[in-house]
Amino acid sequence: MIDLYTAEAAMKDVNDIYLDSLKVVYRTQIEEIHDVDINKVEADIAFLQKDLKLFNDLNRTVKDSISMMQKKYTAKNRKKLDPRK
């Protein structure tokens, strides 16, 4: 789910001319990285959307995970850039 959110965010400001091609690239990469059928993943997401509480809980968990990853990445890079260390 994290990769789906990341791909969606990356495509947010992409010109419509390139959007369809970029979607194919991201979908293919997600399938290869995670060894999944993206159509089945999307079907599962559509199923989860029928239970809004469960779906919202899932979204919150994914967003929290992304936030934690961003904080760790930022902290790690801040250490690398700190000339005192």
N, C-alpha and C. Protein backbone atom coordinates (compact mmCIF):
# COMPACT_ATOMS: atom_id res chain seq x y z
N MET A 1 0.82 -1.19 0.00
CA MET A 1 0.00 0.00 0.00
C MET A 1 0.87 1.26 0.00
N ILE A 2 1.99 1.18 0.69
CA ILE A 2 2.88 2.35 0.74
C ILE A 2 3.34 2.72 -0.66
N ASP A 3 3.71 1.72 -1.45
CA ASP A 3 4.15 2.00 -2.82
C ASP A 3 3.02 2.57 -3.67
N LEU A 4 1.80 2.13 -3.44
CA LEU A 4 0.67 2.68 -4.19
C LEU A 4 0.47 4.16 -3.85
N TYR A 5 0.57 4.50 -2.57
CA TYR A 5 0.45 5.89 -2.16
C TYR A 5 1.59 6.73 -2.75
N THR A 6 2.79 6.18 -2.71
CA THR A 6 3.94 6.90 -3.24
C THR A 6 3.79 7.14 -4.74
N ALA A 7 3.35 6.13 -5.46
CA ALA A 7 3.16 6.27 -6.91
C ALA A 7 2.07 7.30 -7.19
N GLU A 8 1.00 7.26 -6.42
CA GLU A 8 -0.08 8.22 -6.62
C GLU A 8 0.40 9.64 -6.37
N ALA A 9 1.18 9.83 -5.32
CA ALA A 9 1.71 11.16 -5.01
C ALA A 9 2.66 11.63 -6.10
N ALA A 10 3.47 10.71 -6.63
CA ALA A 10 4.42 11.07 -7.68
C ALA A 10 3.72 11.49 -8.96
N MET A 11 2.53 10.95 -9.20
CA MET A 11 1.79 11.26 -10.43
C MET A 11 0.86 12.47 -10.30
N LYS A 12 0.77 13.00 -9.10
CA LYS A 12 -0.19 14.06 -8.82
C LYS A 12 -0.06 15.26 -9.76
N ASP A 13 1.15 15.68 -10.02
CA ASP A 13 1.35 16.88 -10.83
C ASP A 13 1.87 16.59 -12.24
N VAL A 14 1.75 15.33 -12.66
CA VAL A 14 2.24 14.93 -13.98
C VAL A 14 1.24 15.37 -15.05
N ASN A 15 1.78 15.88 -16.13
CA ASN A 15 0.97 16.29 -17.27
C ASN A 15 0.16 15.09 -17.78
N ASP A 16 -1.10 15.33 -18.11
CA ASP A 16 -1.99 14.26 -18.57
C ASP A 16 -1.43 13.48 -19.76
N ILE A 17 -0.61 14.13 -20.55
CA ILE A 17 -0.02 13.48 -21.73
C ILE A 17 0.82 12.27 -21.31
N TYR A 18 1.47 12.37 -20.16
CA TYR A 18 2.38 11.32 -19.70
C TYR A 18 1.77 10.40 -18.65
N LEU A 19 0.61 10.76 -18.14
CA LEU A 19 0.04 10.07 -16.99
C LEU A 19 -0.22 8.58 -17.24
N ASP A 20 -0.86 8.24 -18.35
CA ASP A 20 -1.16 6.84 -18.63
C ASP A 20 0.11 5.99 -18.73
N SER A 21 1.13 6.52 -19.39
CA SER A 21 2.39 5.79 -19.53
C SER A 21 3.06 5.60 -18.18
N LEU A 22 3.03 6.64 -17.36
CA LEU A 22 3.65 6.56 -16.04
C LEU A 22 2.91 5.58 -15.13
N LYS A 23 1.59 5.52 -15.25
CA LYS A 23 0.81 4.55 -14.47
C LYS A 23 1.23 3.13 -14.80
N VAL A 24 1.43 2.86 -16.07
CA VAL A 24 1.86 1.52 -16.50
C VAL A 24 3.22 1.19 -15.89
N VAL A 25 4.13 2.16 -15.91
CA VAL A 25 5.47 1.94 -15.35
C VAL A 25 5.37 1.64 -13.86
N TYR A 26 4.64 2.46 -13.11
CA TYR A 26 4.53 2.25 -11.67
C TYR A 26 3.83 0.93 -11.33
N ARG A 27 2.75 0.63 -12.05
CA ARG A 27 2.03 -0.62 -11.80
C ARG A 27 2.96 -1.82 -12.02
N THR A 28 3.71 -1.78 -13.12
CA THR A 28 4.64 -2.86 -13.44
C THR A 28 5.72 -2.99 -12.37
N GLN A 29 6.26 -1.87 -11.94
CA GLN A 29 7.29 -1.90 -10.90
C GLN A 29 6.76 -2.48 -9.60
N ILE A 30 5.57 -2.08 -9.21
CA ILE A 30 4.97 -2.59 -7.97
C ILE A 30 4.76 -4.10 -8.08
N GLU A 31 4.27 -4.55 -9.23
CA GLU A 31 4.08 -5.99 -9.43
C GLU A 31 5.40 -6.75 -9.31
N GLU A 32 6.44 -6.22 -9.92
CA GLU A 32 7.73 -6.90 -9.91
C GLU A 32 8.38 -6.88 -8.53
N ILE A 33 8.34 -5.75 -7.87
CA ILE A 33 8.98 -5.62 -6.55
C ILE A 33 8.31 -6.52 -5.52
N HIS A 34 6.98 -6.57 -5.55
CA HIS A 34 6.24 -7.28 -4.52
C HIS A 34 5.68 -8.63 -4.97
N ASP A 35 5.96 -8.98 -6.22
CA ASP A 35 5.49 -10.25 -6.77
C ASP A 35 3.97 -10.41 -6.57
N VAL A 36 3.23 -9.39 -7.02
CA VAL A 36 1.77 -9.39 -6.91
C VAL A 36 1.15 -9.08 -8.26
N ASP A 37 -0.11 -9.39 -8.38
CA ASP A 37 -0.92 -8.99 -9.53
C ASP A 37 -1.64 -7.72 -9.12
N ILE A 38 -1.27 -6.60 -9.71
CA ILE A 38 -1.80 -5.30 -9.29
C ILE A 38 -3.32 -5.24 -9.44
N ASN A 39 -3.87 -5.97 -10.41
CA ASN A 39 -5.33 -6.00 -10.58
C ASN A 39 -6.00 -6.64 -9.37
N LYS A 40 -5.37 -7.68 -8.82
CA LYS A 40 -5.92 -8.32 -7.62
C LYS A 40 -5.79 -7.40 -6.41
N VAL A 41 -4.68 -6.69 -6.32
CA VAL A 41 -4.50 -5.74 -5.22
C VAL A 41 -5.58 -4.67 -5.29
N GLU A 42 -5.82 -4.14 -6.48
CA GLU A 42 -6.85 -3.11 -6.64
C GLU A 42 -8.24 -3.67 -6.35
N ALA A 43 -8.48 -4.91 -6.70
CA ALA A 43 -9.76 -5.55 -6.38
C ALA A 43 -9.93 -5.68 -4.87
N ASP A 44 -8.85 -6.04 -4.19
CA ASP A 44 -8.90 -6.13 -2.73
C ASP A 44 -9.16 -4.77 -2.10
N ILE A 45 -8.54 -3.74 -2.64
CA ILE A 45 -8.77 -2.38 -2.13
C ILE A 45 -10.23 -1.98 -2.34
N ALA A 46 -10.77 -2.29 -3.50
CA ALA A 46 -12.18 -1.98 -3.78
C ALA A 46 -13.09 -2.72 -2.80
N PHE A 47 -12.74 -3.95 -2.47
CA PHE A 47 -13.51 -4.72 -1.49
C PHE A 47 -13.43 -4.06 -0.12
N LEU A 48 -12.24 -3.64 0.28
CA LEU A 48 -12.05 -2.99 1.58
C LEU A 48 -12.81 -1.67 1.68
N GLN A 49 -12.96 -0.98 0.55
CA GLN A 49 -13.66 0.31 0.55
C GLN A 49 -15.13 0.16 0.92
N LYS A 50 -15.65 -1.05 0.84
CA LYS A 50 -17.05 -1.29 1.21
C LYS A 50 -17.24 -1.18 2.73
N ASP A 51 -16.17 -1.37 3.48
CA ASP A 51 -16.20 -1.22 4.94
C ASP A 51 -15.38 0.03 5.25
N LEU A 52 -16.06 1.18 5.33
CA LEU A 52 -15.36 2.45 5.46
C LEU A 52 -14.48 2.54 6.70
N LYS A 53 -14.94 1.98 7.81
CA LYS A 53 -14.14 2.05 9.02
C LYS A 53 -12.84 1.28 8.83
N LEU A 54 -12.94 0.08 8.32
CA LEU A 54 -11.75 -0.73 8.08
C LEU A 54 -10.83 -0.05 7.07
N PHE A 55 -11.41 0.48 6.01
CA PHE A 55 -10.63 1.14 4.96
C PHE A 55 -9.94 2.39 5.52
N ASN A 56 -10.65 3.17 6.32
CA ASN A 56 -10.05 4.37 6.91
C ASN A 56 -8.94 4.00 7.90
N ASP A 57 -9.15 2.94 8.66
CA ASP A 57 -8.10 2.46 9.57
C ASP A 57 -6.85 2.05 8.79
N LEU A 58 -7.07 1.34 7.69
CA LEU A 58 -5.95 0.93 6.84
C LEU A 58 -5.22 2.15 6.29
N ASN A 59 -5.97 3.11 5.77
CA ASN A 59 -5.35 4.33 5.23
C ASN A 59 -4.55 5.06 6.30
N ARG A 60 -5.09 5.15 7.49
CA ARG A 60 -4.40 5.83 8.59
C ARG A 60 -3.09 5.10 8.91
N THR A 61 -3.15 3.78 8.95
CA THR A 61 -1.95 2.99 9.24
C THR A 61 -0.89 3.19 8.16
N VAL A 62 -1.31 3.19 6.91
CA VAL A 62 -0.36 3.39 5.80
C VAL A 62 0.25 4.78 5.89
N LYS A 63 -0.58 5.79 6.11
CA LYS A 63 -0.07 7.16 6.20
C LYS A 63 0.87 7.33 7.39
N ASP A 64 0.56 6.70 8.51
CA ASP A 64 1.44 6.74 9.68
C ASP A 64 2.78 6.08 9.36
N SER A 65 2.74 4.98 8.64
CA SER A 65 3.97 4.28 8.25
C SER A 65 4.82 5.16 7.34
N ILE A 66 4.18 5.81 6.39
CA ILE A 66 4.90 6.71 5.48
C ILE A 66 5.53 7.85 6.27
N SER A 67 4.78 8.40 7.19
CA SER A 67 5.28 9.51 8.02
C SER A 67 6.50 9.08 8.83
N MET A 68 6.44 7.90 9.42
CA MET A 68 7.58 7.39 10.19
C MET A 68 8.80 7.17 9.29
N MET A 69 8.58 6.65 8.10
CA MET A 69 9.67 6.43 7.16
C MET A 69 10.31 7.76 6.76
N GLN A 70 9.48 8.78 6.53
CA GLN A 70 9.99 10.10 6.15
C GLN A 70 10.82 10.69 7.29
N LYS A 71 10.36 10.53 8.51
CA LYS A 71 11.10 11.06 9.66
C LYS A 71 12.44 10.37 9.81
N LYS A 72 12.47 9.05 9.65
CA LYS A 72 13.72 8.30 9.75
C LYS A 72 14.68 8.73 8.64
N TYR A 73 14.16 8.89 7.43
CA TYR A 73 14.98 9.30 6.29
C TYR A 73 15.56 10.69 6.52
N THR A 74 14.72 11.60 7.00
CA THR A 74 15.16 12.97 7.26
C THR A 74 16.23 12.99 8.34
N ALA A 75 16.00 12.26 9.42
CA ALA A 75 16.97 12.21 10.52
C ALA A 75 18.30 11.62 10.06
N LYS A 76 18.23 10.58 9.27
CA LYS A 76 19.44 9.92 8.77
C LYS A 76 20.24 10.88 7.89
N ASN A 77 19.55 11.59 7.01
CA ASN A 77 20.24 12.51 6.10
C ASN A 77 20.72 13.75 6.83
N ARG A 78 20.02 14.15 7.86
CA ARG A 78 20.46 15.29 8.64
C ARG A 78 21.80 14.98 9.30
N LYS A 79 21.96 13.76 9.79
CA LYS A 79 23.22 13.34 10.42
C LYS A 79 24.35 13.37 9.39
N LYS A 80 24.06 12.91 8.18
CA LYS A 80 25.09 12.89 7.13
C LYS A 80 25.55 14.30 6.78
N LEU A 81 24.62 15.26 6.82
CA LEU A 81 24.92 16.63 6.41
C LEU A 81 25.50 17.48 7.55
N ASP A 82 25.44 16.98 8.77
CA ASP A 82 25.91 17.74 9.92
C ASP A 82 27.44 17.70 9.94
N PRO A 83 28.09 18.85 9.74
CA PRO A 83 29.56 18.87 9.68
C PRO A 83 30.22 18.58 11.02
N ARG A 84 29.49 18.64 12.11
CA ARG A 84 30.06 18.39 13.43
C ARG A 84 30.24 16.90 13.71
N LYS A 85 29.74 16.05 12.84
CA LYS A 85 29.79 14.61 13.11
C LYS A 85 30.73 13.92 12.17
